[in-house]
């Protein structure tokens, strides 16, 4: 059923009111993110990884499998990266899969998480082995009772005892990208 003109007027007024109280200032380089659908935000994380890799002299490619999002291409070996993006504060990264397969191999090499807030970006880079250890230690928790995926709740500040060593700024991400593979 199409919108009634009365509904259009009320919705237009609500849009004006809600835009005035948006959480993110419009002058933030990341302000556009609050208008993206959740899946598109995840795609933004992959695209940001791609852009950072290019800036570090690396190329990337799609994962080609649901097991991981991107490959960082190297002369020696391609590195499989599962990427996550969150705009929440504190950040909440959802659907983190255990990297271990039944045969003992790993489905990805690194978990790359990006926290985007109006004031800037913060990153976490964890090897798949470190993800498995964090899961075994209960540092990444089940999303719900029957879920096989986990939630990852790091802090953007230095007060995060467990995950602080994995948190980094863009320079460290560039060093990691240059060094992997």
C-alpha atoms as a PDB file:
ATOM      1  CA  UNK A   1       0.000   0.000   0.000  1.00  0.00           C
ATOM      2  CA  UNK A   2       1.500   3.392  -0.954  1.00  0.00           C
ATOM      3  CA  UNK A   3       2.267   6.080   1.608  1.00  0.00           C
ATOM      4  CA  UNK A   4      -0.561   8.429   2.467  1.00  0.00           C
ATOM      5  CA  UNK A   5       0.362  12.154   2.192  1.00  0.00           C
ATOM      6  CA  UNK A   6      -0.189  12.490   5.969  1.00  0.00           C
ATOM      7  CA  UNK A   7       2.342   9.713   6.579  1.00  0.00           C
ATOM      8  CA  UNK A   8       4.822  11.359   4.233  1.00  0.00           C
ATOM      9  CA  UNK A   9       4.522  14.692   6.129  1.00  0.00           C
ATOM     10  CA  UNK A  10       5.003  13.045   9.526  1.00  0.00           C
ATOM     11  CA  UNK A  11       7.929  10.932   8.312  1.00  0.00           C
ATOM     12  CA  UNK A  12       9.589  13.963   6.697  1.00  0.00           C
ATOM     13  CA  UNK A  13       9.359  15.869   9.966  1.00  0.00           C
ATOM     14  CA  UNK A  14      10.722  12.895  11.913  1.00  0.00           C
ATOM     15  CA  UNK A  15      13.639  12.609   9.491  1.00  0.00           C
ATOM     16  CA  UNK A  16      14.536  16.268  10.059  1.00  0.00           C
ATOM     17  CA  UNK A  17      14.301  15.834  13.840  1.00  0.00           C
ATOM     18  CA  UNK A  18      16.333  12.645  13.920  1.00  0.00           C
ATOM     19  CA  UNK A  19      19.068  14.002  11.693  1.00  0.00           C
ATOM     20  CA  UNK A  20      19.602  16.824  14.167  1.00  0.00           C
ATOM     21  CA  UNK A  21      20.274  14.386  16.979  1.00  0.00           C
ATOM     22  CA  UNK A  22      22.464  11.937  15.090  1.00  0.00           C
ATOM     23  CA  UNK A  23      25.125  10.312  17.202  1.00  0.00           C
ATOM     24  CA  UNK A  24      27.994  11.114  14.836  1.00  0.00           C
ATOM     25  CA  UNK A  25      29.081  14.616  13.824  1.00  0.00           C
ATOM     26  CA  UNK A  26      28.731  15.191  10.100  1.00  0.00           C
ATOM     27  CA  UNK A  27      32.324  16.427   9.816  1.00  0.00           C
ATOM     28  CA  UNK A  28      33.765  13.019  10.795  1.00  0.00           C
ATOM     29  CA  UNK A  29      35.300  11.190   7.790  1.00  0.00           C
ATOM     30  CA  UNK A  30      33.342   8.162   8.974  1.00  0.00           C
ATOM     31  CA  UNK A  31      29.948   9.878   9.364  1.00  0.00           C
ATOM     32  CA  UNK A  32      28.499   8.155   6.287  1.00  0.00           C
ATOM     33  CA  UNK A  33      28.833   4.762   7.994  1.00  0.00           C
ATOM     34  CA  UNK A  34      25.848   5.272  10.302  1.00  0.00           C
ATOM     35  CA  UNK A  35      23.591   5.220   7.239  1.00  0.00           C
ATOM     36  CA  UNK A  36      24.899   1.925   5.880  1.00  0.00           C
ATOM     37  CA  UNK A  37      23.130  -1.401   6.305  1.00  0.00           C
ATOM     38  CA  UNK A  38      24.919  -3.852   8.645  1.00  0.00           C
ATOM     39  CA  UNK A  39      26.145  -6.117   5.811  1.00  0.00           C
ATOM     40  CA  UNK A  40      27.433  -3.068   3.950  1.00  0.00           C
ATOM     41  CA  UNK A  41      29.366  -2.051   7.078  1.00  0.00           C
ATOM     42  CA  UNK A  42      31.016  -5.469   7.011  1.00  0.00           C
ATOM     43  CA  UNK A  43      31.871  -4.949   3.369  1.00  0.00           C
ATOM     44  CA  UNK A  44      33.327  -1.560   4.312  1.00  0.00           C
ATOM     45  CA  UNK A  45      35.712  -3.368   6.679  1.00  0.00           C
ATOM     46  CA  UNK A  46      36.886  -5.572   3.805  1.00  0.00           C
ATOM     47  CA  UNK A  47      37.294  -2.551   1.534  1.00  0.00           C
ATOM     48  CA  UNK A  48      39.229  -0.691   4.228  1.00  0.00           C
ATOM     49  CA  UNK A  49      41.544  -3.692   4.574  1.00  0.00           C
ATOM     50  CA  UNK A  50      42.032  -3.611   0.796  1.00  0.00           C
ATOM     51  CA  UNK A  51      42.879   0.100   0.832  1.00  0.00           C
ATOM     52  CA  UNK A  52      45.310  -0.252   3.715  1.00  0.00           C
ATOM     53  CA  UNK A  53      46.964  -3.215   1.981  1.00  0.00           C
ATOM     54  CA  UNK A  54      47.461  -1.208  -1.216  1.00  0.00           C
ATOM     55  CA  UNK A  55      48.945   1.662   0.815  1.00  0.00           C
ATOM     56  CA  UNK A  56      51.353  -0.891   2.360  1.00  0.00           C
ATOM     57  CA  UNK A  57      52.379  -2.179  -1.086  1.00  0.00           C
ATOM     58  CA  UNK A  58      50.230  -5.321  -1.032  1.00  0.00           C
ATOM     59  CA  UNK A  59      47.298  -6.484  -3.078  1.00  0.00           C
ATOM     60  CA  UNK A  60      44.252  -8.370  -1.917  1.00  0.00           C
ATOM     61  CA  UNK A  61      41.664 -10.643  -3.452  1.00  0.00           C
ATOM     62  CA  UNK A  62      38.287 -12.006  -2.365  1.00  0.00           C
ATOM     63  CA  UNK A  63      38.445 -15.054  -0.132  1.00  0.00           C
ATOM     64  CA  UNK A  64      36.362 -17.088  -2.553  1.00  0.00           C
ATOM     65  CA  UNK A  65      34.906 -19.098   0.331  1.00  0.00           C
ATOM     66  CA  UNK A  66      32.669 -18.420   3.326  1.00  0.00           C
ATOM     67  CA  UNK A  67      35.578 -19.407   5.595  1.00  0.00           C
ATOM     68  CA  UNK A  68      37.317 -16.018   5.298  1.00  0.00           C
ATOM     69  CA  UNK A  69      36.785 -12.640   3.612  1.00  0.00           C
ATOM     70  CA  UNK A  70      40.029 -11.589   1.946  1.00  0.00           C
ATOM     71  CA  UNK A  71      43.427 -12.848   0.854  1.00  0.00           C
ATOM     72  CA  UNK A  72      46.500 -10.683   1.231  1.00  0.00           C
ATOM     73  CA  UNK A  73      48.638 -11.648  -1.752  1.00  0.00           C
ATOM     74  CA  UNK A  74      52.339 -12.389  -1.282  1.00  0.00           C
ATOM     75  CA  UNK A  75      55.119 -13.903  -3.383  1.00  0.00           C
ATOM     76  CA  UNK A  76      55.528 -16.654  -0.794  1.00  0.00           C
ATOM     77  CA  UNK A  77      51.910 -17.426   0.181  1.00  0.00           C
ATOM     78  CA  UNK A  78      48.491 -15.854   0.275  1.00  0.00           C
ATOM     79  CA  UNK A  79      47.343 -14.940   3.781  1.00  0.00           C
ATOM     80  CA  UNK A  80      43.686 -15.642   4.581  1.00  0.00           C
ATOM     81  CA  UNK A  81      42.034 -12.875   6.601  1.00  0.00           C
ATOM     82  CA  UNK A  82      38.654 -12.840   8.304  1.00  0.00           C
ATOM     83  CA  UNK A  83      37.605  -9.216   8.681  1.00  0.00           C
ATOM     84  CA  UNK A  84      35.089  -7.592  11.062  1.00  0.00           C
ATOM     85  CA  UNK A  85      33.897  -4.000  11.458  1.00  0.00           C
ATOM     86  CA  UNK A  86      32.022  -2.384  14.370  1.00  0.00           C
ATOM     87  CA  UNK A  87      30.737   1.118  15.025  1.00  0.00           C
ATOM     88  CA  UNK A  88      29.576   0.321  18.549  1.00  0.00           C
ATOM     89  CA  UNK A  89      31.265   1.705  21.662  1.00  0.00           C
ATOM     90  CA  UNK A  90      32.574  -0.434  23.167  1.00  0.00           C
ATOM     91  CA  UNK A  91      33.085  -2.395  19.960  1.00  0.00           C
ATOM     92  CA  UNK A  92      31.234  -5.668  19.474  1.00  0.00           C
ATOM     93  CA  UNK A  93      32.446  -7.967  16.742  1.00  0.00           C
ATOM     94  CA  UNK A  94      29.892 -10.620  15.889  1.00  0.00           C
ATOM     95  CA  UNK A  95      29.961 -14.055  14.311  1.00  0.00           C
ATOM     96  CA  UNK A  96      33.601 -14.830  14.998  1.00  0.00           C
ATOM     97  CA  UNK A  97      34.079 -18.408  13.867  1.00  0.00           C
ATOM     98  CA  UNK A  98      36.492 -20.812  15.468  1.00  0.00           C
ATOM     99  CA  UNK A  99      39.352 -21.024  12.961  1.00  0.00           C
ATOM    100  CA  UNK A 100      40.010 -24.711  13.691  1.00  0.00           C
ATOM    101  CA  UNK A 101      38.638 -27.335  11.351  1.00  0.00           C
ATOM    102  CA  UNK A 102      38.005 -30.928  12.427  1.00  0.00           C
ATOM    103  CA  UNK A 103      41.186 -32.136  10.702  1.00  0.00           C
ATOM    104  CA  UNK A 104      43.321 -29.661  12.657  1.00  0.00           C
ATOM    105  CA  UNK A 105      43.874 -27.185   9.826  1.00  0.00           C
ATOM    106  CA  UNK A 106      42.846 -23.546  10.083  1.00  0.00           C
ATOM    107  CA  UNK A 107      40.162 -21.942   7.919  1.00  0.00           C
ATOM    108  CA  UNK A 108      41.833 -18.504   8.143  1.00  0.00           C
ATOM    109  CA  UNK A 109      45.217 -17.155   9.194  1.00  0.00           C
ATOM    110  CA  UNK A 110      44.251 -13.871  10.874  1.00  0.00           C
ATOM    111  CA  UNK A 111      41.253 -12.108  12.358  1.00  0.00           C
ATOM    112  CA  UNK A 112      41.338  -8.395  11.487  1.00  0.00           C
ATOM    113  CA  UNK A 113      38.869  -6.231  13.454  1.00  0.00           C
ATOM    114  CA  UNK A 114      38.195  -2.538  12.892  1.00  0.00           C
ATOM    115  CA  UNK A 115      36.403  -0.280  15.363  1.00  0.00           C
ATOM    116  CA  UNK A 116      35.138   2.880  13.707  1.00  0.00           C
ATOM    117  CA  UNK A 117      34.003   5.815  15.790  1.00  0.00           C
ATOM    118  CA  UNK A 118      33.636   9.499  14.877  1.00  0.00           C
ATOM    119  CA  UNK A 119      37.055  10.325  16.342  1.00  0.00           C
ATOM    120  CA  UNK A 120      38.971   7.597  14.509  1.00  0.00           C
ATOM    121  CA  UNK A 121      39.730   3.950  13.832  1.00  0.00           C
ATOM    122  CA  UNK A 122      41.252   1.292  16.091  1.00  0.00           C
ATOM    123  CA  UNK A 123      42.381  -2.134  14.874  1.00  0.00           C
ATOM    124  CA  UNK A 124      42.987  -5.599  16.337  1.00  0.00           C
ATOM    125  CA  UNK A 125      45.049  -8.231  14.531  1.00  0.00           C
ATOM    126  CA  UNK A 126      44.947 -11.740  15.980  1.00  0.00           C
ATOM    127  CA  UNK A 127      46.486 -14.856  14.504  1.00  0.00           C
ATOM    128  CA  UNK A 128      44.067 -17.753  14.099  1.00  0.00           C
ATOM    129  CA  UNK A 129      45.951 -19.589  16.858  1.00  0.00           C
ATOM    130  CA  UNK A 130      45.410 -16.620  19.197  1.00  0.00           C
ATOM    131  CA  UNK A 131      41.697 -16.573  18.298  1.00  0.00           C
ATOM    132  CA  UNK A 132      41.443 -20.267  19.193  1.00  0.00           C
ATOM    133  CA  UNK A 133      43.272 -19.653  22.488  1.00  0.00           C
ATOM    134  CA  UNK A 134      40.966 -16.720  23.339  1.00  0.00           C
ATOM    135  CA  UNK A 135      37.928 -18.884  22.625  1.00  0.00           C
ATOM    136  CA  UNK A 136      39.252 -21.723  24.781  1.00  0.00           C
ATOM    137  CA  UNK A 137      39.955 -19.233  27.592  1.00  0.00           C
ATOM    138  CA  UNK A 138      36.373 -17.894  27.439  1.00  0.00           C
ATOM    139  CA  UNK A 139      37.500 -14.457  26.226  1.00  0.00           C
ATOM    140  CA  UNK A 140      35.210 -14.724  23.192  1.00  0.00           C
ATOM    141  CA  UNK A 141      31.731 -15.809  24.182  1.00  0.00           C
ATOM    142  CA  UNK A 142      28.878 -17.621  22.432  1.00  0.00           C
ATOM    143  CA  UNK A 143      26.345 -15.369  20.768  1.00  0.00           C
ATOM    144  CA  UNK A 144      23.537 -17.585  22.038  1.00  0.00           C
ATOM    145  CA  UNK A 145      23.107 -21.070  23.420  1.00  0.00           C
ATOM    146  CA  UNK A 146      23.027 -22.986  20.124  1.00  0.00           C
ATOM    147  CA  UNK A 147      25.500 -20.767  18.287  1.00  0.00           C
ATOM    148  CA  UNK A 148      28.836 -21.945  16.968  1.00  0.00           C
ATOM    149  CA  UNK A 149      30.030 -18.365  16.507  1.00  0.00           C
ATOM    150  CA  UNK A 150      31.370 -16.035  19.180  1.00  0.00           C
ATOM    151  CA  UNK A 151      31.296 -12.384  20.178  1.00  0.00           C
ATOM    152  CA  UNK A 152      34.505 -10.441  20.597  1.00  0.00           C
ATOM    153  CA  UNK A 153      34.253  -7.459  22.998  1.00  0.00           C
ATOM    154  CA  UNK A 154      37.623  -5.686  23.152  1.00  0.00           C
ATOM    155  CA  UNK A 155      38.126  -2.185  24.506  1.00  0.00           C
ATOM    156  CA  UNK A 156      39.316   0.798  22.479  1.00  0.00           C
ATOM    157  CA  UNK A 157      41.370   1.907  25.498  1.00  0.00           C
ATOM    158  CA  UNK A 158      44.501   0.634  27.233  1.00  0.00           C
ATOM    159  CA  UNK A 159      42.432  -0.869  30.086  1.00  0.00           C
ATOM    160  CA  UNK A 160      41.673  -4.087  28.202  1.00  0.00           C
ATOM    161  CA  UNK A 161      43.888  -6.680  29.896  1.00  0.00           C
ATOM    162  CA  UNK A 162      43.385  -9.585  27.509  1.00  0.00           C
ATOM    163  CA  UNK A 163      43.201  -7.992  24.049  1.00  0.00           C
ATOM    164  CA  UNK A 164      45.360  -4.861  24.515  1.00  0.00           C
ATOM    165  CA  UNK A 165      48.403  -6.548  22.949  1.00  0.00           C
ATOM    166  CA  UNK A 166      46.450  -7.118  19.723  1.00  0.00           C
ATOM    167  CA  UNK A 167      45.151  -3.529  19.472  1.00  0.00           C
ATOM    168  CA  UNK A 168      47.043  -1.288  17.096  1.00  0.00           C
ATOM    169  CA  UNK A 169      47.003   1.921  15.089  1.00  0.00           C
ATOM    170  CA  UNK A 170      47.265   2.231  11.325  1.00  0.00           C
ATOM    171  CA  UNK A 171      51.112   2.243  11.292  1.00  0.00           C
ATOM    172  CA  UNK A 172      51.198  -1.159  12.985  1.00  0.00           C
ATOM    173  CA  UNK A 173      48.563  -2.450  10.543  1.00  0.00           C
ATOM    174  CA  UNK A 174      50.773  -1.323   7.651  1.00  0.00           C
ATOM    175  CA  UNK A 175      53.767  -3.104   9.213  1.00  0.00           C
ATOM    176  CA  UNK A 176      51.685  -6.269   9.674  1.00  0.00           C
ATOM    177  CA  UNK A 177      50.476  -6.162   6.066  1.00  0.00           C
ATOM    178  CA  UNK A 178      54.026  -5.700   4.758  1.00  0.00           C
ATOM    179  CA  UNK A 179      55.274  -8.569   6.916  1.00  0.00           C
ATOM    180  CA  UNK A 180      52.639 -11.264   6.334  1.00  0.00           C
ATOM    181  CA  UNK A 181      53.071 -13.946   3.695  1.00  0.00           C
END
